[in-house]
C-alpha atoms as a PDB file:
ATOM      1  CA  MET A   1     -50.448 -23.503 222.987  1.00  0.00           C
ATOM      2  CA  ARG A   2     -53.723 -24.904 224.332  1.00  0.00           C
ATOM      3  CA  LEU A   3     -53.606 -27.798 221.854  1.00  0.00           C
ATOM      4  CA  VAL A   4     -50.122 -28.709 223.101  1.00  0.00           C
ATOM      5  CA  LEU A   5     -51.331 -28.711 226.733  1.00  0.00           C
ATOM      6  CA  GLU A   6     -54.359 -30.847 225.883  1.00  0.00           C
ATOM      7  CA  GLN A   7     -52.128 -33.329 224.049  1.00  0.00           C
ATOM      8  CA  GLY A   8     -49.814 -33.495 227.075  1.00  0.00           C
ATOM      9  CA  VAL A   9     -52.754 -34.210 229.380  1.00  0.00           C
ATOM     10  CA  GLN A  10     -54.014 -36.929 227.023  1.00  0.00           C
ATOM     11  CA  ASP A  11     -50.551 -38.533 226.949  1.00  0.00           C
ATOM     12  CA  ILE A  12     -50.401 -38.600 230.757  1.00  0.00           C
ATOM     13  CA  GLN A  13     -53.900 -40.086 230.998  1.00  0.00           C
ATOM     14  CA  GLU A  14     -53.090 -42.797 228.440  1.00  0.00           C
ATOM     15  CA  LYS A  15     -49.906 -43.706 230.321  1.00  0.00           C
ATOM     16  CA  GLN A  16     -51.792 -43.933 233.614  1.00  0.00           C
ATOM     17  CA  MET A  17     -54.473 -46.152 232.022  1.00  0.00           C
ATOM     18  CA  SER A  18     -51.862 -48.531 230.584  1.00  0.00           C
ATOM     19  CA  GLU A  19     -50.246 -48.962 234.034  1.00  0.00           C
ATOM     20  CA  LEU A  20     -53.580 -49.318 235.837  1.00  0.00           C
ATOM     21  CA  ILE A  21     -54.197 -52.537 237.799  1.00  0.00           C
ATOM     22  CA  LYS A  22     -57.436 -53.969 236.419  1.00  0.00           C
ATOM     23  CA  PHE A  23     -60.023 -56.482 237.585  1.00  0.00           C
ATOM     24  CA  GLU A  24     -59.505 -59.892 235.958  1.00  0.00           C
ATOM     25  CA  VAL A  25     -62.226 -62.354 234.923  1.00  0.00           C
ATOM     26  CA  GLY A  26     -62.291 -65.454 237.125  1.00  0.00           C
ATOM     27  CA  GLN A  27     -60.461 -63.738 239.981  1.00  0.00           C
ATOM     28  CA  THR A  28     -62.011 -63.421 243.460  1.00  0.00           C
ATOM     29  CA  TYR A  29     -61.604 -60.139 245.344  1.00  0.00           C
ATOM     30  CA  TYR A  30     -62.112 -59.363 249.021  1.00  0.00           C
ATOM     31  CA  THR A  31     -62.956 -56.260 251.031  1.00  0.00           C
ATOM     32  CA  ARG A  32     -64.100 -55.451 254.566  1.00  0.00           C
ATOM     33  CA  SER A  33     -67.210 -53.745 255.875  1.00  0.00           C
ATOM     34  CA  PHE A  34     -66.679 -50.182 257.122  1.00  0.00           C
ATOM     35  CA  GLY A  35     -69.222 -50.652 259.899  1.00  0.00           C
ATOM     36  CA  ASN A  36     -68.001 -54.037 261.173  1.00  0.00           C
ATOM     37  CA  TRP A  37     -64.356 -54.879 260.469  1.00  0.00           C
ATOM     38  CA  ASP A  38     -64.983 -58.570 261.151  1.00  0.00           C
ATOM     39  CA  VAL A  39     -67.230 -58.854 258.074  1.00  0.00           C
ATOM     40  CA  VAL A  40     -65.314 -59.759 254.917  1.00  0.00           C
ATOM     41  CA  TYR A  41     -67.062 -59.569 251.532  1.00  0.00           C
ATOM     42  CA  ARG A  42     -66.051 -61.870 248.682  1.00  0.00           C
ATOM     43  CA  PHE A  43     -66.794 -61.092 245.021  1.00  0.00           C
ATOM     44  CA  LYS A  44     -65.892 -63.030 241.879  1.00  0.00           C
ATOM     45  CA  VAL A  45     -65.513 -61.276 238.515  1.00  0.00           C
ATOM     46  CA  VAL A  46     -67.430 -63.304 235.910  1.00  0.00           C
ATOM     47  CA  LYS A  47     -67.341 -60.878 232.996  1.00  0.00           C
ATOM     48  CA  ARG A  48     -65.930 -57.487 232.132  1.00  0.00           C
ATOM     49  CA  THR A  49     -65.702 -54.817 229.484  1.00  0.00           C
ATOM     50  CA  GLU A  50     -63.463 -51.758 229.486  1.00  0.00           C
ATOM     51  CA  LYS A  51     -65.806 -49.776 231.765  1.00  0.00           C
ATOM     52  CA  THR A  52     -68.001 -52.412 233.450  1.00  0.00           C
ATOM     53  CA  VAL A  53     -67.401 -55.432 235.698  1.00  0.00           C
ATOM     54  CA  TRP A  54     -69.983 -58.183 236.430  1.00  0.00           C
ATOM     55  CA  LEU A  55     -69.712 -59.581 239.954  1.00  0.00           C
ATOM     56  CA  GLU A  56     -71.006 -62.813 241.406  1.00  0.00           C
ATOM     57  CA  THR A  57     -71.754 -62.998 245.138  1.00  0.00           C
ATOM     58  CA  PHE A  58     -74.327 -64.552 247.423  1.00  0.00           C
ATOM     59  CA  HIS A  59     -76.016 -61.129 247.785  1.00  0.00           C
ATOM     60  CA  TYR A  60     -77.533 -61.468 244.278  1.00  0.00           C
ATOM     61  CA  LYS A  61     -79.029 -64.405 242.378  1.00  0.00           C
ATOM     62  CA  THR A  62     -77.511 -63.274 239.082  1.00  0.00           C
ATOM     63  CA  PRO A  63     -74.211 -61.468 238.378  1.00  0.00           C
ATOM     64  CA  GLN A  64     -74.519 -57.704 238.821  1.00  0.00           C
ATOM     65  CA  ALA A  65     -72.872 -55.118 236.566  1.00  0.00           C
ATOM     66  CA  ARG A  66     -70.907 -52.315 238.219  1.00  0.00           C
ATOM     67  CA  ARG A  67     -69.158 -49.347 236.621  1.00  0.00           C
ATOM     68  CA  VAL A  68     -65.401 -49.111 237.096  1.00  0.00           C
ATOM     69  CA  ASP A  69     -63.979 -46.012 238.803  1.00  0.00           C
ATOM     70  CA  ARG A  70     -60.485 -45.112 237.632  1.00  0.00           C
ATOM     71  CA  SER A  71     -60.209 -41.697 239.229  1.00  0.00           C
ATOM     72  CA  LEU A  72     -58.147 -42.664 242.281  1.00  0.00           C
ATOM     73  CA  GLY A  73     -54.739 -44.280 242.515  1.00  0.00           C
ATOM     74  CA  LEU A  74     -53.243 -46.907 240.250  1.00  0.00           C
ATOM     75  CA  ALA A  75     -55.983 -49.543 240.495  1.00  0.00           C
ATOM     76  CA  GLU A  76     -59.589 -49.820 239.374  1.00  0.00           C
ATOM     77  CA  ARG A  77     -62.289 -49.531 242.047  1.00  0.00           C
ATOM     78  CA  ILE A  78     -65.972 -50.353 242.203  1.00  0.00           C
ATOM     79  CA  SER A  79     -68.819 -50.157 244.702  1.00  0.00           C
ATOM     80  CA  PRO A  80     -70.064 -53.763 244.540  1.00  0.00           C
ATOM     81  CA  LEU A  81     -73.212 -53.309 246.634  1.00  0.00           C
ATOM     82  CA  GLY A  82     -74.091 -49.836 245.329  1.00  0.00           C
ATOM     83  CA  ARG A  83     -73.146 -46.378 246.505  1.00  0.00           C
ATOM     84  CA  TYR A  84     -74.384 -45.373 249.943  1.00  0.00           C
ATOM     85  CA  ALA A  85     -72.872 -44.248 253.238  1.00  0.00           C
ATOM     86  CA  PHE A  86     -70.331 -46.818 254.448  1.00  0.00           C
ATOM     87  CA  SER A  87     -70.771 -49.013 251.375  1.00  0.00           C
ATOM     88  CA  PRO A  88     -67.874 -51.380 250.704  1.00  0.00           C
ATOM     89  CA  VAL A  89     -65.412 -50.375 248.000  1.00  0.00           C
ATOM     90  CA  LEU A  90     -63.598 -53.083 246.066  1.00  0.00           C
ATOM     91  CA  ASP A  91     -60.091 -52.380 244.770  1.00  0.00           C
ATOM     92  CA  ALA A  92     -58.399 -54.408 241.997  1.00  0.00           C
ATOM     93  CA  THR A  93     -55.402 -55.003 244.282  1.00  0.00           C
ATOM     94  CA  GLU A  94     -57.539 -56.852 246.876  1.00  0.00           C
ATOM     95  CA  ASP A  95     -57.280 -60.307 245.331  1.00  0.00           C
ATOM     96  CA  LYS A  96     -55.714 -62.033 248.346  1.00  0.00           C
ATOM     97  CA  PRO A  97     -57.913 -63.547 251.079  1.00  0.00           C
ATOM     98  CA  LEU A  98     -57.875 -61.314 254.134  1.00  0.00           C
ATOM     99  CA  LYS A  99     -56.459 -62.542 257.427  1.00  0.00           C
ATOM    100  CA  HIS A 100     -58.968 -63.703 260.035  1.00  0.00           C
ATOM    101  CA  ASP A 101     -61.469 -64.715 257.348  1.00  0.00           C
ATOM    102  CA  PRO A 102     -63.519 -67.398 259.154  1.00  0.00           C
ATOM    103  CA  ARG A 103     -66.861 -66.211 257.773  1.00  0.00           C
ATOM    104  CA  ALA A 104     -66.313 -64.404 254.499  1.00  0.00           C
ATOM    105  CA  VAL A 105     -69.705 -63.515 253.042  1.00  0.00           C
END
């Protein structure tokens, strides 16, 4: 009985992973600052593996690797500047420039 339940859980997880919206190489993604809504961050994906995404931004001189979080929703997420209180979170669905973007950083 337990084996059947575990197989069912694995099937559900595999289905969710196949429908997951993923970060694409060459695509630019945008997110806002939690502390100041006027600040818009811009990150470009330059490389990726199944579990890691390399981002290019003016914050770093070289592309930085970030682990992909797949635990929430139907899209991949990452913390592009690290994990800390009020750190920006980048979602794979945020590939459109945000409105009122005069000074995207």
